[in-house]
Amino acid sequence: MAETCDHVEAAGDPAPRSRGCEECLKMGDPWVHLRRCLSCGHVGCCDDSKNKHATKHFHQTQHPVIQSFQPGEAWLWCFVDELFVERRPPPEHEARP
């Protein structure tokens, strides 16, 4: 099984656009956990939350990779390849042989 994919390797590191789920904050709804889009910085709620805004964001935008936005967590998920990555690989110029 692959440890990474092209989408993860090409993912950016944008600043989060909010401190909570953007849509839930507007609606006044609670969330369970947060995810940050690595294409645009959108912060959405996880699939355990009733609104599933992180996944909805992917379906609307096709931005492929999210990262956990929970304190102490750094894992990534690629929606396209359905790939879980425990930690982000270093950029190629920093990779060790």
PDB file of N, CA and C in Angstrom:
ATOM      1  N   MET A   1       0.837  -1.186   0.000  1.00  0.00           N
ATOM      2  CA  MET A   1       0.000   0.000   0.000  1.00  0.00           C
ATOM      3  C   MET A   1       0.884   1.252   0.000  1.00  0.00           C
ATOM      4  N   ALA A   2       0.521   2.221  -0.777  1.00  0.00           N
ATOM      5  CA  ALA A   2       1.304   3.449  -0.896  1.00  0.00           C
ATOM      6  C   ALA A   2       1.310   4.226   0.418  1.00  0.00           C
ATOM      7  N   GLU A   3       2.449   4.850   0.707  1.00  0.00           N
ATOM      8  CA  GLU A   3       2.555   5.667   1.909  1.00  0.00           C
ATOM      9  C   GLU A   3       2.088   7.090   1.649  1.00  0.00           C
ATOM     10  N   THR A   4       2.100   7.481   0.382  1.00  0.00           N
ATOM     11  CA  THR A   4       1.666   8.820   0.006  1.00  0.00           C
ATOM     12  C   THR A   4       1.104   8.754  -1.408  1.00  0.00           C
ATOM     13  N   CYS A   5       0.703   9.881  -1.942  1.00  0.00           N
ATOM     14  CA  CYS A   5       0.187   9.943  -3.305  1.00  0.00           C
ATOM     15  C   CYS A   5       0.556  11.303  -3.892  1.00  0.00           C
ATOM     16  N   ASP A   6       0.328  11.459  -5.184  1.00  0.00           N
ATOM     17  CA  ASP A   6       0.670  12.722  -5.853  1.00  0.00           C
ATOM     18  C   ASP A   6      -0.083  13.898  -5.244  1.00  0.00           C
ATOM     19  N   HIS A   7      -1.334  13.677  -4.816  1.00  0.00           N
ATOM     20  CA  HIS A   7      -2.128  14.771  -4.246  1.00  0.00           C
ATOM     21  C   HIS A   7      -1.538  15.257  -2.928  1.00  0.00           C
ATOM     22  N   VAL A   8      -1.122  14.315  -2.097  1.00  0.00           N
ATOM     23  CA  VAL A   8      -0.505  14.685  -0.812  1.00  0.00           C
ATOM     24  C   VAL A   8       0.814  15.396  -1.058  1.00  0.00           C
ATOM     25  N   GLU A   9       1.611  14.872  -1.975  1.00  0.00           N
ATOM     26  CA  GLU A   9       2.907  15.486  -2.257  1.00  0.00           C
ATOM     27  C   GLU A   9       2.771  16.895  -2.830  1.00  0.00           C
ATOM     28  N   ALA A  10       1.677  17.155  -3.540  1.00  0.00           N
ATOM     29  CA  ALA A  10       1.466  18.476  -4.147  1.00  0.00           C
ATOM     30  C   ALA A  10       0.654  19.416  -3.253  1.00  0.00           C
ATOM     31  N   ALA A  11       0.167  18.924  -2.124  1.00  0.00           N
ATOM     32  CA  ALA A  11      -0.699  19.727  -1.256  1.00  0.00           C
ATOM     33  C   ALA A  11       0.040  20.946  -0.710  1.00  0.00           C
ATOM     34  N   GLY A  12      -0.690  22.026  -0.557  1.00  0.00           N
ATOM     35  CA  GLY A  12      -0.137  23.243   0.004  1.00  0.00           C
ATOM     36  C   GLY A  12      -0.212  23.239   1.520  1.00  0.00           C
ATOM     37  N   ASP A  13      -0.024  24.404   2.093  1.00  0.00           N
ATOM     38  CA  ASP A  13      -0.107  24.572   3.548  1.00  0.00           C
ATOM     39  C   ASP A  13      -0.738  25.930   3.841  1.00  0.00           C
ATOM     40  N   PRO A  14      -1.965  26.157   3.336  1.00  0.00           N
ATOM     41  CA  PRO A  14      -2.592  27.462   3.523  1.00  0.00           C
ATOM     42  C   PRO A  14      -3.003  27.692   4.971  1.00  0.00           C
ATOM     43  N   ALA A  15      -3.035  28.949   5.346  1.00  0.00           N
ATOM     44  CA  ALA A  15      -3.512  29.304   6.684  1.00  0.00           C
ATOM     45  C   ALA A  15      -4.987  28.924   6.807  1.00  0.00           C
ATOM     46  N   PRO A  16      -5.404  28.466   7.980  1.00  0.00           N
ATOM     47  CA  PRO A  16      -6.827  28.163   8.164  1.00  0.00           C
ATOM     48  C   PRO A  16      -7.658  29.437   8.028  1.00  0.00           C
ATOM     49  N   ARG A  17      -8.812  29.320   7.375  1.00  0.00           N
ATOM     50  CA  ARG A  17      -9.667  30.483   7.148  1.00  0.00           C
ATOM     51  C   ARG A  17     -10.536  30.810   8.354  1.00  0.00           C
ATOM     52  N   SER A  18     -10.613  29.900   9.319  1.00  0.00           N
ATOM     53  CA  SER A  18     -11.400  30.160  10.533  1.00  0.00           C
ATOM     54  C   SER A  18     -10.862  29.292  11.659  1.00  0.00           C
ATOM     55  N   ARG A  19     -11.371  29.505  12.852  1.00  0.00           N
ATOM     56  CA  ARG A  19     -10.944  28.722  14.017  1.00  0.00           C
ATOM     57  C   ARG A  19     -11.877  27.560  14.286  1.00  0.00           C
ATOM     58  N   GLY A  20     -12.985  27.507  13.543  1.00  0.00           N
ATOM     59  CA  GLY A  20     -13.958  26.426  13.665  1.00  0.00           C
ATOM     60  C   GLY A  20     -14.543  26.137  12.301  1.00  0.00           C
ATOM     61  N   CYS A  21     -15.487  25.217  12.246  1.00  0.00           N
ATOM     62  CA  CYS A  21     -16.122  24.892  10.971  1.00  0.00           C
ATOM     63  C   CYS A  21     -16.832  26.134  10.437  1.00  0.00           C
ATOM     64  N   GLU A  22     -16.423  26.579   9.257  1.00  0.00           N
ATOM     65  CA  GLU A  22     -16.950  27.826   8.688  1.00  0.00           C
ATOM     66  C   GLU A  22     -18.474  27.809   8.584  1.00  0.00           C
ATOM     67  N   GLU A  23     -19.004  26.731   8.025  1.00  0.00           N
ATOM     68  CA  GLU A  23     -20.451  26.660   7.819  1.00  0.00           C
ATOM     69  C   GLU A  23     -21.208  26.479   9.129  1.00  0.00           C
ATOM     70  N   CYS A  24     -20.703  25.631  10.032  1.00  0.00           N
ATOM     71  CA  CYS A  24     -21.382  25.415  11.323  1.00  0.00           C
ATOM     72  C   CYS A  24     -21.406  26.694  12.150  1.00  0.00           C
ATOM     73  N   LEU A  25     -20.321  27.479  12.085  1.00  0.00           N
ATOM     74  CA  LEU A  25     -20.303  28.746  12.810  1.00  0.00           C
ATOM     75  C   LEU A  25     -21.426  29.661  12.312  1.00  0.00           C
ATOM     76  N   LYS A  26     -21.625  29.706  10.988  1.00  0.00           N
ATOM     77  CA  LYS A  26     -22.688  30.533  10.418  1.00  0.00           C
ATOM     78  C   LYS A  26     -24.072  30.035  10.802  1.00  0.00           C
ATOM     79  N   MET A  27     -24.214  28.685  10.893  1.00  0.00           N
ATOM     80  CA  MET A  27     -25.507  28.062  11.194  1.00  0.00           C
ATOM     81  C   MET A  27     -25.785  27.972  12.690  1.00  0.00           C
ATOM     82  N   GLY A  28     -24.746  28.104  13.492  1.00  0.00           N
ATOM     83  CA  GLY A  28     -24.905  27.940  14.935  1.00  0.00           C
ATOM     84  C   GLY A  28     -24.946  26.483  15.361  1.00  0.00           C
ATOM     85  N   ASP A  29     -24.417  25.581  14.517  1.00  0.00           N
ATOM     86  CA  ASP A  29     -24.395  24.152  14.832  1.00  0.00           C
ATOM     87  C   ASP A  29     -23.068  23.754  15.472  1.00  0.00           C
ATOM     88  N   PRO A  30     -23.093  22.712  16.299  1.00  0.00           N
ATOM     89  CA  PRO A  30     -21.850  22.190  16.873  1.00  0.00           C
ATOM     90  C   PRO A  30     -21.180  21.226  15.893  1.00  0.00           C
ATOM     91  N   TRP A  31     -19.931  20.877  16.170  1.00  0.00           N
ATOM     92  CA  TRP A  31     -19.207  19.893  15.372  1.00  0.00           C
ATOM     93  C   TRP A  31     -18.454  18.986  16.326  1.00  0.00           C
ATOM     94  N   VAL A  32     -17.918  17.875  15.770  1.00  0.00           N
ATOM     95  CA  VAL A  32     -17.164  16.914  16.567  1.00  0.00           C
ATOM     96  C   VAL A  32     -15.665  17.188  16.434  1.00  0.00           C
ATOM     97  N   HIS A  33     -15.137  17.107  15.208  1.00  0.00           N
ATOM     98  CA  HIS A  33     -13.724  17.361  14.941  1.00  0.00           C
ATOM     99  C   HIS A  33     -13.605  18.236  13.697  1.00  0.00           C
ATOM    100  N   LEU A  34     -12.449  18.864  13.533  1.00  0.00           N
ATOM    101  CA  LEU A  34     -12.239  19.780  12.416  1.00  0.00           C
ATOM    102  C   LEU A  34     -11.173  19.276  11.463  1.00  0.00           C
ATOM    103  N   ARG A  35     -11.337  19.644  10.181  1.00  0.00           N
ATOM    104  CA  ARG A  35     -10.398  19.299   9.122  1.00  0.00           C
ATOM    105  C   ARG A  35     -10.087  20.547   8.309  1.00  0.00           C
ATOM    106  N   ARG A  36      -8.821  20.714   7.907  1.00  0.00           N
ATOM    107  CA  ARG A  36      -8.406  21.874   7.110  1.00  0.00           C
ATOM    108  C   ARG A  36      -8.077  21.420   5.696  1.00  0.00           C
ATOM    109  N   CYS A  37      -8.628  22.095   4.719  1.00  0.00           N
ATOM    110  CA  CYS A  37      -8.337  21.828   3.309  1.00  0.00           C
ATOM    111  C   CYS A  37      -6.937  22.344   2.995  1.00  0.00           C
ATOM    112  N   LEU A  38      -6.107  21.501   2.389  1.00  0.00           N
ATOM    113  CA  LEU A  38      -4.742  21.910   2.079  1.00  0.00           C
ATOM    114  C   LEU A  38      -4.621  22.582   0.717  1.00  0.00           C
ATOM    115  N   SER A  39      -5.759  22.856   0.081  1.00  0.00           N
ATOM    116  CA  SER A  39      -5.749  23.655  -1.147  1.00  0.00           C
ATOM    117  C   SER A  39      -6.077  25.110  -0.849  1.00  0.00           C
ATOM    118  N   CYS A  40      -7.059  25.347   0.045  1.00  0.00           N
ATOM    119  CA  CYS A  40      -7.526  26.724   0.250  1.00  0.00           C
ATOM    120  C   CYS A  40      -7.628  27.163   1.705  1.00  0.00           C
ATOM    121  N   GLY A  41      -7.435  26.253   2.657  1.00  0.00           N
ATOM    122  CA  GLY A  41      -7.507  26.625   4.066  1.00  0.00           C
ATOM    123  C   GLY A  41      -8.899  26.545   4.673  1.00  0.00           C
ATOM    124  N   HIS A  42      -9.902  26.103   3.897  1.00  0.00           N
ATOM    125  CA  HIS A  42     -11.255  25.935   4.438  1.00  0.00           C
ATOM    126  C   HIS A  42     -11.202  25.022   5.653  1.00  0.00           C
ATOM    127  N   VAL A  43     -11.891  25.377   6.718  1.00  0.00           N
ATOM    128  CA  VAL A  43     -11.994  24.525   7.897  1.00  0.00           C
ATOM    129  C   VAL A  43     -13.426  24.009   7.949  1.00  0.00           C
ATOM    130  N   GLY A  44     -13.542  22.678   7.930  1.00  0.00           N
ATOM    131  CA  GLY A  44     -14.856  22.050   7.950  1.00  0.00           C
ATOM    132  C   GLY A  44     -14.922  20.961   8.994  1.00  0.00           C
ATOM    133  N   CYS A  45     -16.133  20.568   9.316  1.00  0.00           N
ATOM    134  CA  CYS A  45     -16.335  19.527  10.319  1.00  0.00           C
ATOM    135  C   CYS A  45     -16.197  18.136   9.699  1.00  0.00           C
ATOM    136  N   CYS A  46     -15.851  17.165  10.528  1.00  0.00           N
ATOM    137  CA  CYS A  46     -15.582  15.795  10.095  1.00  0.00           C
ATOM    138  C   CYS A  46     -16.879  15.031   9.792  1.00  0.00           C
ATOM    139  N   ASP A  47     -16.718  13.814   9.308  1.00  0.00           N
ATOM    140  CA  ASP A  47     -17.873  12.991   8.967  1.00  0.00           C
ATOM    141  C   ASP A  47     -18.602  12.444  10.186  1.00  0.00           C
ATOM    142  N   ASP A  48     -18.028  12.557  11.382  1.00  0.00           N
ATOM    143  CA  ASP A  48     -18.756  12.200  12.601  1.00  0.00           C
ATOM    144  C   ASP A  48     -19.665  13.339  13.054  1.00  0.00           C
ATOM    145  N   SER A  49     -19.495  14.511  12.471  1.00  0.00           N
ATOM    146  CA  SER A  49     -20.363  15.659  12.747  1.00  0.00           C
ATOM    147  C   SER A  49     -21.592  15.542  11.855  1.00  0.00           C
ATOM    148  N   LYS A  50     -22.718  16.086  12.307  1.00  0.00           N
ATOM    149  CA  LYS A  50     -23.956  15.893  11.536  1.00  0.00           C
ATOM    150  C   LYS A  50     -23.913  16.538  10.157  1.00  0.00           C
ATOM    151  N   ASN A  51     -23.144  17.610   9.980  1.00  0.00           N
ATOM    152  CA  ASN A  51     -23.145  18.319   8.699  1.00  0.00           C
ATOM    153  C   ASN A  51     -22.065  17.884   7.709  1.00  0.00           C
ATOM    154  N   LYS A  52     -21.003  17.230   8.182  1.00  0.00           N
ATOM    155  CA  LYS A  52     -19.949  16.697   7.305  1.00  0.00           C
ATOM    156  C   LYS A  52     -19.419  17.732   6.311  1.00  0.00           C
ATOM    157  N   HIS A  53     -19.135  18.934   6.778  1.00  0.00           N
ATOM    158  CA  HIS A  53     -18.755  20.022   5.875  1.00  0.00           C
ATOM    159  C   HIS A  53     -17.399  19.830   5.188  1.00  0.00           C
ATOM    160  N   ALA A  54     -16.459  19.124   5.801  1.00  0.00           N
ATOM    161  CA  ALA A  54     -15.168  18.905   5.129  1.00  0.00           C
ATOM    162  C   ALA A  54     -15.363  18.057   3.871  1.00  0.00           C
ATOM    163  N   THR A  55     -16.159  17.005   3.972  1.00  0.00           N
ATOM    164  CA  THR A  55     -16.429  16.160   2.803  1.00  0.00           C
ATOM    165  C   THR A  55     -17.265  16.909   1.773  1.00  0.00           C
ATOM    166  N   LYS A  56     -18.232  17.680   2.221  1.00  0.00           N
ATOM    167  CA  LYS A  56     -19.045  18.476   1.291  1.00  0.00           C
ATOM    168  C   LYS A  56     -18.165  19.465   0.533  1.00  0.00           C
ATOM    169  N   HIS A  57     -17.177  20.036   1.228  1.00  0.00           N
ATOM    170  CA  HIS A  57     -16.252  20.962   0.579  1.00  0.00           C
ATOM    171  C   HIS A  57     -15.495  20.250  -0.546  1.00  0.00           C
ATOM    172  N   PHE A  58     -15.034  19.031  -0.299  1.00  0.00           N
ATOM    173  CA  PHE A  58     -14.354  18.280  -1.349  1.00  0.00           C
ATOM    174  C   PHE A  58     -15.271  18.077  -2.554  1.00  0.00           C
ATOM    175  N   HIS A  59     -16.504  17.661  -2.311  1.00  0.00           N
ATOM    176  CA  HIS A  59     -17.427  17.404  -3.431  1.00  0.00           C
ATOM    177  C   HIS A  59     -17.741  18.677  -4.220  1.00  0.00           C
ATOM    178  N   GLN A  60     -17.743  19.817  -3.559  1.00  0.00           N
ATOM    179  CA  GLN A  60     -18.025  21.084  -4.238  1.00  0.00           C
ATOM    180  C   GLN A  60     -16.812  21.615  -4.991  1.00  0.00           C
ATOM    181  N   THR A  61     -15.612  21.386  -4.476  1.00  0.00           N
ATOM    182  CA  THR A  61     -14.415  22.025  -5.020  1.00  0.00           C
ATOM    183  C   THR A  61     -13.428  21.072  -5.696  1.00  0.00           C
ATOM    184  N   GLN A  62     -13.511  19.802  -5.347  1.00  0.00           N
ATOM    185  CA  GLN A  62     -12.540  18.791  -5.788  1.00  0.00           C
ATOM    186  C   GLN A  62     -11.140  19.038  -5.214  1.00  0.00           C
ATOM    187  N   HIS A  63     -11.030  19.816  -4.131  1.00  0.00           N
ATOM    188  CA  HIS A  63      -9.753  19.969  -3.426  1.00  0.00           C
ATOM    189  C   HIS A  63      -9.482  18.630  -2.740  1.00  0.00           C
ATOM    190  N   PRO A  64      -8.397  17.936  -3.090  1.00  0.00           N
ATOM    191  CA  PRO A  64      -8.258  16.526  -2.727  1.00  0.00           C
ATOM    192  C   PRO A  64      -7.799  16.182  -1.313  1.00  0.00           C
ATOM    193  N   VAL A  65      -7.067  17.063  -0.626  1.00  0.00           N
ATOM    194  CA  VAL A  65      -6.423  16.648   0.622  1.00  0.00           C
ATOM    195  C   VAL A  65      -6.848  17.532   1.793  1.00  0.00           C
ATOM    196  N   ILE A  66      -7.194  16.853   2.900  1.00  0.00           N
ATOM    197  CA  ILE A  66      -7.466  17.552   4.155  1.00  0.00           C
ATOM    198  C   ILE A  66      -6.449  17.088   5.192  1.00  0.00           C
ATOM    199  N   GLN A  67      -6.279  17.930   6.193  1.00  0.00           N
ATOM    200  CA  GLN A  67      -5.432  17.582   7.330  1.00  0.00           C
ATOM    201  C   GLN A  67      -6.260  17.777   8.586  1.00  0.00           C
ATOM    202  N   SER A  68      -6.042  16.910   9.573  1.00  0.00           N
ATOM    203  CA  SER A  68      -6.730  17.101  10.839  1.00  0.00           C
ATOM    204  C   SER A  68      -6.399  18.487  11.378  1.00  0.00           C
ATOM    205  N   PHE A  69      -7.403  19.165  11.884  1.00  0.00           N
ATOM    206  CA  PHE A  69      -7.208  20.482  12.480  1.00  0.00           C
ATOM    207  C   PHE A  69      -7.407  20.392  13.995  1.00  0.00           C
ATOM    208  N   GLN A  70      -7.178  19.197  14.523  1.00  0.00           N
ATOM    209  CA  GLN A  70      -7.290  18.953  15.958  1.00  0.00           C
ATOM    210  C   GLN A  70      -5.915  19.119  16.598  1.00  0.00           C
ATOM    211  N   PRO A  71      -5.848  19.719  17.775  1.00  0.00           N
ATOM    212  CA  PRO A  71      -4.560  19.856  18.463  1.00  0.00           C
ATOM    213  C   PRO A  71      -3.887  18.489  18.648  1.00  0.00           C
ATOM    214  N   GLY A  72      -2.589  18.433  18.332  1.00  0.00           N
ATOM    215  CA  GLY A  72      -1.831  17.206  18.514  1.00  0.00           C
ATOM    216  C   GLY A  72      -1.968  16.186  17.394  1.00  0.00           C
ATOM    217  N   GLU A  73      -2.775  16.473  16.373  1.00  0.00           N
ATOM    218  CA  GLU A  73      -2.946  15.559  15.244  1.00  0.00           C
ATOM    219  C   GLU A  73      -2.401  16.204  13.979  1.00  0.00           C
ATOM    220  N   ALA A  74      -1.744  15.401  13.139  1.00  0.00           N
ATOM    221  CA  ALA A  74      -1.174  15.949  11.905  1.00  0.00           C
ATOM    222  C   ALA A  74      -1.477  15.080  10.692  1.00  0.00           C
ATOM    223  N   TRP A  75      -2.341  14.070  10.834  1.00  0.00           N
ATOM    224  CA  TRP A  75      -2.609  13.162   9.722  1.00  0.00           C
ATOM    225  C   TRP A  75      -3.340  13.869   8.582  1.00  0.00           C
ATOM    226  N   LEU A  76      -3.237  13.244   7.395  1.00  0.00           N
ATOM    227  CA  LEU A  76      -3.870  13.763   6.189  1.00  0.00           C
ATOM    228  C   LEU A  76      -4.756  12.684   5.575  1.00  0.00           C
ATOM    229  N   TRP A  77      -5.722  13.114   4.788  1.00  0.00           N
ATOM    230  CA  TRP A  77      -6.587  12.206   4.052  1.00  0.00           C
ATOM    231  C   TRP A  77      -6.731  12.729   2.633  1.00  0.00           C
ATOM    232  N   CYS A  78      -6.483  11.846   1.665  1.00  0.00           N
ATOM    233  CA  CYS A  78      -6.702  12.180   0.259  1.00  0.00           C
ATOM    234  C   CYS A  78      -8.031  11.576  -0.156  1.00  0.00           C
ATOM    235  N   PHE A  79      -8.997  12.430  -0.484  1.00  0.00           N
ATOM    236  CA  PHE A  79     -10.309  11.958  -0.908  1.00  0.00           C
ATOM    237  C   PHE A  79     -10.229  11.192  -2.225  1.00  0.00           C
ATOM    238  N   VAL A  80      -9.414  11.656  -3.140  1.00  0.00           N
ATOM    239  CA  VAL A  80      -9.333  11.059  -4.479  1.00  0.00           C
ATOM    240  C   VAL A  80      -8.803   9.629  -4.406  1.00  0.00           C
ATOM    241  N   ASP A  81      -7.698   9.441  -3.711  1.00  0.00           N
ATOM    242  CA  ASP A  81      -7.065   8.123  -3.621  1.00  0.00           C
ATOM    243  C   ASP A  81      -7.514   7.327  -2.394  1.00  0.00           C
ATOM    244  N   GLU A  82      -8.392   7.918  -1.577  1.00  0.00           N
ATOM    245  CA  GLU A  82      -8.860   7.291  -0.340  1.00  0.00           C
ATOM    246  C   GLU A  82      -7.670   6.773   0.462  1.00  0.00           C
ATOM    247  N   LEU A  83      -6.731   7.693   0.698  1.00  0.00           N
ATOM    248  CA  LEU A  83      -5.473   7.342   1.332  1.00  0.00           C
ATOM    249  C   LEU A  83      -5.284   8.130   2.623  1.00  0.00           C
ATOM    250  N   PHE A  84      -5.032   7.419   3.708  1.00  0.00           N
ATOM    251  CA  PHE A  84      -4.708   8.008   5.000  1.00  0.00           C
ATOM    252  C   PHE A  84      -3.197   8.099   5.110  1.00  0.00           C
ATOM    253  N   VAL A  85      -2.689   9.266   5.475  1.00  0.00           N
ATOM    254  CA  VAL A  85      -1.250   9.475   5.649  1.00  0.00           C
ATOM    255  C   VAL A  85      -1.040   9.958   7.074  1.00  0.00           C
ATOM    256  N   GLU A  86      -0.294   9.173   7.844  1.00  0.00           N
ATOM    257  CA  GLU A  86      -0.116   9.475   9.264  1.00  0.00           C
ATOM    258  C   GLU A  86       0.562  10.813   9.512  1.00  0.00           C
ATOM    259  N   ARG A  87       1.566  11.104   8.712  1.00  0.00           N
ATOM    260  CA  ARG A  87       2.230  12.409   8.812  1.00  0.00           C
ATOM    261  C   ARG A  87       2.699  12.809   7.428  1.00  0.00           C
ATOM    262  N   ARG A  88       2.770  14.077   7.226  1.00  0.00           N
ATOM    263  CA  ARG A  88       3.128  14.616   5.916  1.00  0.00           C
ATOM    264  C   ARG A  88       4.585  14.336   5.601  1.00  0.00           C
ATOM    265  N   PRO A  89       4.868  13.820   4.407  1.00  0.00           N
ATOM    266  CA  PRO A  89       6.275  13.601   4.043  1.00  0.00           C
ATOM    267  C   PRO A  89       6.983  14.939   3.862  1.00  0.00           C
ATOM    268  N   PRO A  90       8.295  14.988   4.128  1.00  0.00           N
ATOM    269  CA  PRO A  90       9.014  16.248   3.931  1.00  0.00           C
ATOM    270  C   PRO A  90       9.077  16.586   2.442  1.00  0.00           C
ATOM    271  N   PRO A  91       9.188  17.868   2.115  1.00  0.00           N
ATOM    272  CA  PRO A  91       9.349  18.249   0.704  1.00  0.00           C
ATOM    273  C   PRO A  91      10.567  17.540   0.114  1.00  0.00           C
ATOM    274  N   GLU A  92      10.519  17.315  -1.193  1.00  0.00           N
ATOM    275  CA  GLU A  92      11.603  16.582  -1.860  1.00  0.00           C
ATOM    276  C   GLU A  92      12.976  17.148  -1.571  1.00  0.00           C
ATOM    277  N   HIS A  93      13.098  18.477  -1.543  1.00  0.00           N
ATOM    278  CA  HIS A  93      14.419  19.078  -1.311  1.00  0.00           C
ATOM    279  C   HIS A  93      14.914  18.852   0.109  1.00  0.00           C
ATOM    280  N   GLU A  94      14.014  18.422   1.016  1.00  0.00           N
ATOM    281  CA  GLU A  94      14.417  18.122   2.395  1.00  0.00           C
ATOM    282  C   GLU A  94      14.515  16.625   2.660  1.00  0.00           C
ATOM    283  N   ALA A  95      14.080  15.810   1.708  1.00  0.00           N
ATOM    284  CA  ALA A  95      14.086  14.359   1.903  1.00  0.00           C
ATOM    285  C   ALA A  95      15.516  13.852   2.005  1.00  0.00           C
ATOM    286  N   ARG A  96      15.668  12.868   2.857  1.00  0.00           N
ATOM    287  CA  ARG A  96      16.991  12.257   3.033  1.00  0.00           C
ATOM    288  C   ARG A  96      17.073  11.002   2.186  1.00  0.00           C
ATOM    289  N   PRO A  97      18.279  10.668   1.703  1.00  0.00           N
ATOM    290  CA  PRO A  97      18.436   9.453   0.872  1.00  0.00           C
ATOM    291  C   PRO A  97      18.239   8.185   1.678  1.00  0.00           C
TER     292      PRO A  97
END
